[in-house]
Amino acid sequence: MINIAYALLGLATICFGYRTLAGPSLTDRMTGLNGMLTAGMAGIAVHAVDTGNGAFLPVLVVVGLVGFVGTGMVARFIETHGR
């Protein structure tokens, strides 16, 4: 069952990578990057469940916060760039 989760997360990462590369606008590219970040975080969580080792779980919190702040910065750039 864990292998299926890894496979689906890998497939999601590939799809989000395509969105990042093919997206014509900055919002499409940011959506792709956020999706890849989320899939990577989910991969770390699945690995923690698989091994029973929660050493990387604080990393998930930090990566989630950095991703959130990065998204806010890009959203603010997109908002002010239109003026």
N, C-alpha and C. Protein backbone atom coordinates (compact mmCIF):
# COMPACT_ATOMS: atom_id res chain seq x y z
N MET A 1 0.82 -1.19 0.00
CA MET A 1 0.00 0.00 0.00
C MET A 1 0.87 1.26 0.00
N ILE A 2 1.98 1.20 0.69
CA ILE A 2 2.89 2.35 0.73
C ILE A 2 3.48 2.60 -0.66
N ASN A 3 3.77 1.52 -1.38
CA ASN A 3 4.32 1.68 -2.74
C ASN A 3 3.34 2.38 -3.67
N ILE A 4 2.05 2.11 -3.48
CA ILE A 4 1.03 2.78 -4.28
C ILE A 4 1.02 4.28 -3.96
N ALA A 5 1.16 4.61 -2.69
CA ALA A 5 1.20 6.02 -2.29
C ALA A 5 2.41 6.72 -2.91
N TYR A 6 3.56 6.06 -2.87
CA TYR A 6 4.75 6.64 -3.50
C TYR A 6 4.55 6.83 -5.01
N ALA A 7 3.95 5.85 -5.65
CA ALA A 7 3.72 5.93 -7.10
C ALA A 7 2.77 7.08 -7.44
N LEU A 8 1.70 7.21 -6.68
CA LEU A 8 0.75 8.28 -6.96
C LEU A 8 1.35 9.66 -6.67
N LEU A 9 2.15 9.75 -5.64
CA LEU A 9 2.82 11.02 -5.37
C LEU A 9 3.84 11.35 -6.46
N GLY A 10 4.52 10.35 -6.97
CA GLY A 10 5.43 10.57 -8.09
C GLY A 10 4.70 11.03 -9.33
N LEU A 11 3.54 10.41 -9.60
CA LEU A 11 2.74 10.81 -10.75
C LEU A 11 2.23 12.24 -10.58
N ALA A 12 1.81 12.59 -9.37
CA ALA A 12 1.35 13.95 -9.12
C ALA A 12 2.48 14.96 -9.31
N THR A 13 3.68 14.60 -8.87
CA THR A 13 4.83 15.48 -9.03
C THR A 13 5.15 15.70 -10.51
N ILE A 14 5.05 14.64 -11.29
CA ILE A 14 5.30 14.76 -12.73
C ILE A 14 4.25 15.67 -13.38
N CYS A 15 3.00 15.50 -13.00
CA CYS A 15 1.93 16.34 -13.56
C CYS A 15 2.11 17.80 -13.16
N PHE A 16 2.46 18.04 -11.90
CA PHE A 16 2.70 19.42 -11.47
C PHE A 16 3.95 19.99 -12.13
N GLY A 17 4.93 19.15 -12.38
CA GLY A 17 6.13 19.60 -13.10
C GLY A 17 5.79 20.04 -14.51
N TYR A 18 4.89 19.30 -15.15
CA TYR A 18 4.44 19.70 -16.49
C TYR A 18 3.73 21.05 -16.43
N ARG A 19 2.89 21.24 -15.41
CA ARG A 19 2.19 22.51 -15.26
C ARG A 19 3.19 23.65 -15.04
N THR A 20 4.24 23.37 -14.30
CA THR A 20 5.25 24.39 -14.05
C THR A 20 5.98 24.77 -15.34
N LEU A 21 6.33 23.79 -16.14
CA LEU A 21 7.09 24.07 -17.36
C LEU A 21 6.21 24.62 -18.48
N ALA A 22 4.99 24.12 -18.61
CA ALA A 22 4.14 24.48 -19.74
C ALA A 22 3.22 25.66 -19.45
N GLY A 23 3.10 26.03 -18.17
CA GLY A 23 2.16 27.08 -17.83
C GLY A 23 2.51 28.40 -18.49
N PRO A 24 1.57 29.00 -19.20
CA PRO A 24 1.90 30.25 -19.90
C PRO A 24 2.00 31.45 -18.96
N SER A 25 1.39 31.39 -17.79
CA SER A 25 1.42 32.55 -16.91
C SER A 25 2.17 32.23 -15.62
N LEU A 26 2.47 33.27 -14.90
CA LEU A 26 3.18 33.11 -13.63
C LEU A 26 2.31 32.39 -12.60
N THR A 27 1.01 32.62 -12.65
CA THR A 27 0.13 31.94 -11.70
C THR A 27 0.10 30.44 -11.96
N ASP A 28 0.13 30.02 -13.22
CA ASP A 28 0.20 28.59 -13.53
C ASP A 28 1.49 27.98 -13.03
N ARG A 29 2.58 28.68 -13.20
CA ARG A 29 3.87 28.17 -12.73
C ARG A 29 3.91 28.09 -11.21
N MET A 30 3.34 29.07 -10.54
CA MET A 30 3.32 29.04 -9.08
C MET A 30 2.42 27.93 -8.57
N THR A 31 1.33 27.67 -9.26
CA THR A 31 0.46 26.56 -8.89
C THR A 31 1.20 25.24 -9.03
N GLY A 32 1.96 25.09 -10.09
CA GLY A 32 2.75 23.88 -10.28
C GLY A 32 3.81 23.70 -9.20
N LEU A 33 4.48 24.78 -8.85
CA LEU A 33 5.50 24.70 -7.80
C LEU A 33 4.88 24.36 -6.45
N ASN A 34 3.73 24.97 -6.15
CA ASN A 34 3.06 24.65 -4.89
C ASN A 34 2.61 23.20 -4.86
N GLY A 35 2.14 22.70 -5.98
CA GLY A 35 1.73 21.30 -6.04
C GLY A 35 2.90 20.35 -5.84
N MET A 36 4.03 20.68 -6.46
CA MET A 36 5.22 19.83 -6.27
C MET A 36 5.71 19.89 -4.83
N LEU A 37 5.63 21.05 -4.22
CA LEU A 37 6.01 21.20 -2.82
C LEU A 37 5.10 20.36 -1.93
N THR A 38 3.81 20.41 -2.19
CA THR A 38 2.86 19.63 -1.40
C THR A 38 3.07 18.14 -1.60
N ALA A 39 3.31 17.72 -2.83
CA ALA A 39 3.56 16.30 -3.08
C ALA A 39 4.85 15.85 -2.40
N GLY A 40 5.86 16.69 -2.40
CA GLY A 40 7.10 16.36 -1.71
C GLY A 40 6.90 16.25 -0.21
N MET A 41 6.11 17.16 0.34
CA MET A 41 5.81 17.09 1.77
C MET A 41 5.02 15.83 2.10
N ALA A 42 4.09 15.47 1.24
CA ALA A 42 3.34 14.24 1.45
C ALA A 42 4.24 13.01 1.34
N GLY A 43 5.23 13.07 0.44
CA GLY A 43 6.19 11.98 0.33
C GLY A 43 7.00 11.81 1.60
N ILE A 44 7.39 12.92 2.21
CA ILE A 44 8.13 12.84 3.47
C ILE A 44 7.24 12.26 4.56
N ALA A 45 5.97 12.66 4.58
CA ALA A 45 5.05 12.12 5.58
C ALA A 45 4.81 10.63 5.38
N VAL A 46 4.67 10.20 4.14
CA VAL A 46 4.49 8.77 3.86
C VAL A 46 5.73 7.99 4.27
N HIS A 47 6.90 8.55 4.03
CA HIS A 47 8.14 7.89 4.44
C HIS A 47 8.22 7.78 5.96
N ALA A 48 7.77 8.81 6.67
CA ALA A 48 7.76 8.77 8.13
C ALA A 48 6.81 7.69 8.64
N VAL A 49 5.68 7.55 8.00
CA VAL A 49 4.73 6.49 8.39
C VAL A 49 5.31 5.12 8.06
N ASP A 50 5.96 5.01 6.93
CA ASP A 50 6.52 3.73 6.49
C ASP A 50 7.62 3.25 7.42
N THR A 51 8.52 4.14 7.78
CA THR A 51 9.66 3.73 8.60
C THR A 51 9.41 3.86 10.10
N GLY A 52 8.41 4.62 10.50
CA GLY A 52 8.17 4.85 11.91
C GLY A 52 9.13 5.85 12.52
N ASN A 53 9.89 6.53 11.68
CA ASN A 53 10.87 7.51 12.14
C ASN A 53 10.34 8.91 11.82
N GLY A 54 10.06 9.67 12.86
CA GLY A 54 9.49 11.00 12.67
C GLY A 54 10.52 12.11 12.72
N ALA A 55 11.76 11.82 12.38
CA ALA A 55 12.83 12.81 12.50
C ALA A 55 12.64 13.97 11.52
N PHE A 56 12.03 13.72 10.38
CA PHE A 56 11.87 14.77 9.38
C PHE A 56 10.55 15.52 9.48
N LEU A 57 9.73 15.22 10.46
CA LEU A 57 8.45 15.89 10.57
C LEU A 57 8.58 17.39 10.90
N PRO A 58 9.56 17.82 11.70
CA PRO A 58 9.74 19.27 11.85
C PRO A 58 10.13 19.96 10.54
N VAL A 59 10.78 19.23 9.66
CA VAL A 59 11.13 19.78 8.35
C VAL A 59 9.86 20.08 7.56
N LEU A 60 8.84 19.25 7.72
CA LEU A 60 7.57 19.49 7.04
C LEU A 60 6.96 20.82 7.46
N VAL A 61 7.05 21.13 8.72
CA VAL A 61 6.50 22.40 9.21
C VAL A 61 7.25 23.57 8.60
N VAL A 62 8.57 23.50 8.59
CA VAL A 62 9.37 24.59 8.04
C VAL A 62 9.13 24.73 6.54
N VAL A 63 9.11 23.64 5.81
CA VAL A 63 8.88 23.70 4.36
C VAL A 63 7.48 24.24 4.06
N GLY A 64 6.50 23.83 4.86
CA GLY A 64 5.15 24.35 4.67
C GLY A 64 5.08 25.85 4.90
N LEU A 65 5.76 26.34 5.92
CA LEU A 65 5.77 27.79 6.18
C LEU A 65 6.51 28.56 5.10
N VAL A 66 7.63 28.03 4.65
CA VAL A 66 8.38 28.69 3.58
C VAL A 66 7.56 28.72 2.29
N GLY A 67 6.88 27.62 1.99
CA GLY A 67 6.03 27.59 0.80
C GLY A 67 4.89 28.59 0.89
N PHE A 68 4.30 28.70 2.07
CA PHE A 68 3.21 29.65 2.26
C PHE A 68 3.69 31.09 2.08
N VAL A 69 4.81 31.42 2.67
CA VAL A 69 5.36 32.78 2.54
C VAL A 69 5.75 33.06 1.09
N GLY A 70 6.35 32.08 0.42
CA GLY A 70 6.71 32.25 -0.98
C GLY A 70 5.50 32.48 -1.86
N THR A 71 4.43 31.76 -1.60
CA THR A 71 3.20 31.95 -2.37
C THR A 71 2.63 33.33 -2.13
N GLY A 72 2.66 33.78 -0.89
CA GLY A 72 2.18 35.12 -0.60
C GLY A 72 3.00 36.19 -1.30
N MET A 73 4.30 36.00 -1.36
CA MET A 73 5.17 36.98 -2.03
C MET A 73 4.88 37.03 -3.52
N VAL A 74 4.71 35.88 -4.14
CA VAL A 74 4.42 35.86 -5.58
C VAL A 74 3.04 36.44 -5.85
N ALA A 75 2.07 36.15 -4.98
CA ALA A 75 0.74 36.72 -5.16
C ALA A 75 0.77 38.24 -5.05
N ARG A 76 1.56 38.74 -4.13
CA ARG A 76 1.68 40.19 -3.99
C ARG A 76 2.37 40.80 -5.22
N PHE A 77 3.38 40.11 -5.74
CA PHE A 77 4.05 40.58 -6.96
C PHE A 77 3.08 40.62 -8.13
N ILE A 78 2.28 39.57 -8.26
CA ILE A 78 1.32 39.53 -9.37
C ILE A 78 0.29 40.65 -9.22
N GLU A 79 -0.12 40.89 -7.98
CA GLU A 79 -1.12 41.94 -7.74
C GLU A 79 -0.59 43.32 -8.05
N THR A 80 0.64 43.62 -7.65
CA THR A 80 1.18 44.95 -7.88
C THR A 80 1.76 45.13 -9.28
N HIS A 81 2.11 44.03 -9.93
CA HIS A 81 2.68 44.11 -11.27
C HIS A 81 1.64 44.58 -12.29
N GLY A 82 0.38 44.35 -12.02
CA GLY A 82 -0.68 44.75 -12.95
C GLY A 82 -0.95 46.23 -12.98
N ARG A 83 -0.45 46.97 -11.99
CA ARG A 83 -0.72 48.41 -11.92
C ARG A 83 0.22 49.23 -12.75
